[in-house]
N, C-alpha and C. Protein backbone atom coordinates (compact mmCIF):
# COMPACT_ATOMS: atom_id res chain seq x y z
N MET A 1 -37.44 -25.02 -7.64
CA MET A 1 -35.78 -24.89 -6.91
C MET A 1 -35.31 -23.92 -6.87
N GLY A 2 -35.26 -23.28 -8.45
CA GLY A 2 -34.26 -22.32 -8.49
C GLY A 2 -34.30 -21.04 -7.86
N ASP A 3 -35.51 -20.91 -7.33
CA ASP A 3 -35.94 -19.77 -6.63
C ASP A 3 -35.00 -19.74 -5.13
N VAL A 4 -35.09 -21.13 -4.72
CA VAL A 4 -34.45 -21.35 -3.28
C VAL A 4 -32.76 -21.14 -3.34
N GLN A 5 -32.57 -21.81 -4.30
CA GLN A 5 -31.22 -21.31 -4.52
C GLN A 5 -30.63 -19.94 -5.16
N ALA A 6 -31.65 -19.45 -5.54
CA ALA A 6 -30.88 -17.92 -5.84
C ALA A 6 -31.11 -17.15 -4.84
N ASP A 7 -32.37 -17.29 -3.54
CA ASP A 7 -32.40 -16.72 -2.35
C ASP A 7 -31.29 -17.08 -1.30
N SER A 8 -30.96 -18.04 -1.69
CA SER A 8 -29.76 -18.73 -0.39
C SER A 8 -28.26 -18.07 -1.15
N ALA A 9 -28.17 -18.16 -2.56
CA ALA A 9 -27.15 -17.27 -2.96
C ALA A 9 -27.19 -15.70 -2.01
N THR A 10 -28.39 -15.34 -2.60
CA THR A 10 -28.17 -13.87 -2.06
C THR A 10 -28.01 -13.60 -0.64
N ALA A 11 -28.38 -14.85 0.45
CA ALA A 11 -28.66 -14.60 1.76
C ALA A 11 -26.92 -14.77 2.06
N THR A 12 -25.85 -15.54 1.11
CA THR A 12 -24.95 -15.69 1.60
C THR A 12 -24.02 -14.69 1.18
N ALA A 13 -24.04 -13.98 -0.13
CA ALA A 13 -23.53 -12.58 -0.41
C ALA A 13 -23.80 -11.77 0.68
N ARG A 14 -24.96 -11.74 1.16
CA ARG A 14 -25.30 -10.57 2.19
C ARG A 14 -24.82 -10.69 3.50
N LEU A 15 -24.91 -12.01 3.80
CA LEU A 15 -23.64 -12.25 5.08
C LEU A 15 -22.51 -12.16 5.14
N LYS A 16 -22.11 -12.71 3.85
CA LYS A 16 -20.43 -12.13 3.59
C LYS A 16 -20.38 -10.53 3.77
N ALA A 17 -20.79 -9.66 3.19
CA ALA A 17 -21.30 -8.35 3.10
C ALA A 17 -21.07 -7.81 4.66
N LEU A 18 -22.00 -8.54 5.25
CA LEU A 18 -21.98 -7.92 6.87
C LEU A 18 -20.75 -8.40 7.51
N PHE A 19 -20.26 -9.36 7.52
CA PHE A 19 -19.13 -10.17 7.81
C PHE A 19 -17.91 -8.96 7.50
N ALA A 20 -17.92 -8.50 6.06
CA ALA A 20 -16.86 -7.80 5.62
C ALA A 20 -16.69 -6.43 6.34
N TRP A 21 -17.99 -5.92 6.48
CA TRP A 21 -18.17 -4.36 7.33
C TRP A 21 -17.65 -4.40 8.43
N GLY A 22 -18.49 -5.52 8.96
CA GLY A 22 -17.86 -5.58 10.64
C GLY A 22 -16.13 -5.83 10.67
N CYS A 23 -15.60 -6.63 9.97
CA CYS A 23 -14.06 -6.49 10.10
C CYS A 23 -13.74 -5.27 9.56
N HIS A 24 -14.05 -4.53 8.47
CA HIS A 24 -13.55 -3.06 8.36
C HIS A 24 -13.83 -2.04 9.89
N GLY A 25 -15.07 -2.26 9.93
CA GLY A 25 -15.18 -1.66 11.21
C GLY A 25 -14.22 -1.66 12.34
N GLY A 26 -13.79 -3.10 12.34
CA GLY A 26 -13.01 -3.47 13.68
C GLY A 26 -11.60 -3.00 13.45
N VAL A 27 -11.11 -2.93 12.12
CA VAL A 27 -9.94 -2.51 11.71
C VAL A 27 -9.79 -1.13 11.95
N ARG A 28 -10.80 -0.26 11.44
CA ARG A 28 -10.92 1.28 11.64
C ARG A 28 -10.83 1.65 13.23
N MET A 29 -11.49 0.95 14.03
CA MET A 29 -11.13 1.24 15.39
C MET A 29 -9.79 1.18 15.90
N GLY A 30 -9.18 0.21 15.67
CA GLY A 30 -7.39 0.10 15.52
C GLY A 30 -7.39 -1.05 16.85
N GLY A 31 -8.40 -2.30 16.81
CA GLY A 31 -8.45 -3.18 17.83
C GLY A 31 -7.71 -4.62 17.18
N GLY A 32 -7.03 -4.42 15.89
CA GLY A 32 -6.08 -5.44 15.58
C GLY A 32 -6.73 -6.22 14.51
N THR A 33 -6.55 -7.64 14.53
CA THR A 33 -6.94 -8.54 13.66
C THR A 33 -7.98 -9.64 14.26
N VAL A 34 -7.65 -9.82 15.63
CA VAL A 34 -8.58 -10.45 16.11
C VAL A 34 -9.79 -9.73 16.56
N SER A 35 -9.68 -8.46 16.91
CA SER A 35 -11.20 -7.42 17.50
C SER A 35 -11.71 -7.57 15.75
N ALA A 36 -11.10 -7.14 14.78
CA ALA A 36 -11.72 -7.49 13.82
C ALA A 36 -12.26 -8.44 13.17
N LEU A 37 -11.90 -9.56 13.10
CA LEU A 37 -12.80 -10.37 13.08
C LEU A 37 -13.96 -10.80 14.29
N ALA A 38 -13.51 -10.46 15.55
CA ALA A 38 -14.73 -10.48 16.10
C ALA A 38 -15.94 -9.95 15.91
N ALA A 39 -15.70 -8.32 15.53
CA ALA A 39 -16.47 -7.64 15.31
C ALA A 39 -17.34 -8.23 13.85
N GLY A 40 -16.40 -8.71 13.03
CA GLY A 40 -17.38 -9.47 11.83
C GLY A 40 -18.16 -10.44 12.02
N ALA A 41 -17.86 -11.19 12.87
CA ALA A 41 -18.51 -12.56 13.45
C ALA A 41 -19.80 -11.78 13.91
N VAL A 42 -19.69 -10.97 15.02
CA VAL A 42 -20.76 -10.28 15.69
C VAL A 42 -21.92 -9.45 14.63
N ASP A 43 -21.27 -8.88 14.11
CA ASP A 43 -21.97 -8.44 12.67
C ASP A 43 -23.05 -9.18 12.14
N ALA A 44 -22.18 -10.52 11.34
CA ALA A 44 -22.71 -11.75 10.87
C ALA A 44 -23.95 -12.30 11.67
N ALA A 45 -23.77 -12.92 12.97
CA ALA A 45 -24.45 -13.66 13.76
C ALA A 45 -25.85 -12.42 13.93
N THR A 46 -25.61 -10.99 14.06
CA THR A 46 -26.87 -10.37 14.34
C THR A 46 -27.63 -10.25 13.20
N GLY A 47 -26.89 -10.16 11.84
CA GLY A 47 -27.74 -10.41 10.80
C GLY A 47 -28.58 -12.12 10.45
N THR A 48 -27.90 -12.74 10.93
CA THR A 48 -28.47 -13.94 10.62
C THR A 48 -29.67 -14.08 11.69
N ALA A 49 -29.60 -13.61 12.98
CA ALA A 49 -30.61 -13.39 13.71
C ALA A 49 -31.95 -12.59 13.47
N VAL A 50 -31.50 -11.58 12.85
CA VAL A 50 -32.70 -10.48 12.28
C VAL A 50 -33.05 -11.33 11.05
N ALA A 51 -32.55 -12.20 10.12
CA ALA A 51 -33.16 -12.79 9.11
C ALA A 51 -34.34 -14.01 9.59
N VAL A 52 -33.72 -14.64 10.59
CA VAL A 52 -34.30 -15.97 11.42
C VAL A 52 -36.01 -14.97 11.80
N VAL A 53 -35.95 -14.10 12.64
CA VAL A 53 -36.53 -13.54 13.06
C VAL A 53 -38.11 -13.29 12.36
N LYS A 54 -37.26 -12.46 11.26
CA LYS A 54 -38.13 -12.03 9.76
C LYS A 54 -38.87 -13.13 9.28
N ALA A 55 -38.11 -14.55 9.10
CA ALA A 55 -38.64 -15.48 8.67
C ALA A 55 -39.75 -16.04 9.35
N ALA A 56 -39.43 -16.49 10.54
CA ALA A 56 -40.31 -16.82 11.56
C ALA A 56 -41.62 -16.15 11.78
N SER A 57 -41.68 -14.79 11.69
CA SER A 57 -42.71 -13.95 11.61
C SER A 57 -43.81 -13.88 10.53
N GLY A 58 -43.32 -14.44 9.44
CA GLY A 58 -43.90 -14.88 8.36
C GLY A 58 -44.19 -13.74 7.46
N PRO A 59 -45.38 -13.47 6.22
CA PRO A 59 -45.15 -12.36 5.71
C PRO A 59 -45.80 -11.28 6.33
């Protein structure tokens, strides 16, 4: 059970990092706060979709 919790914590940290990276990119593009948050959300959603596809495809 500990491995599942560790994997979940790692996935959460990576998702937060993707969101932060997207927000930072949005700010650098000069789109404002809403655009930065949207960019962060798109990056997080893309990362989640990639992880789901990888998990579904198996080892």
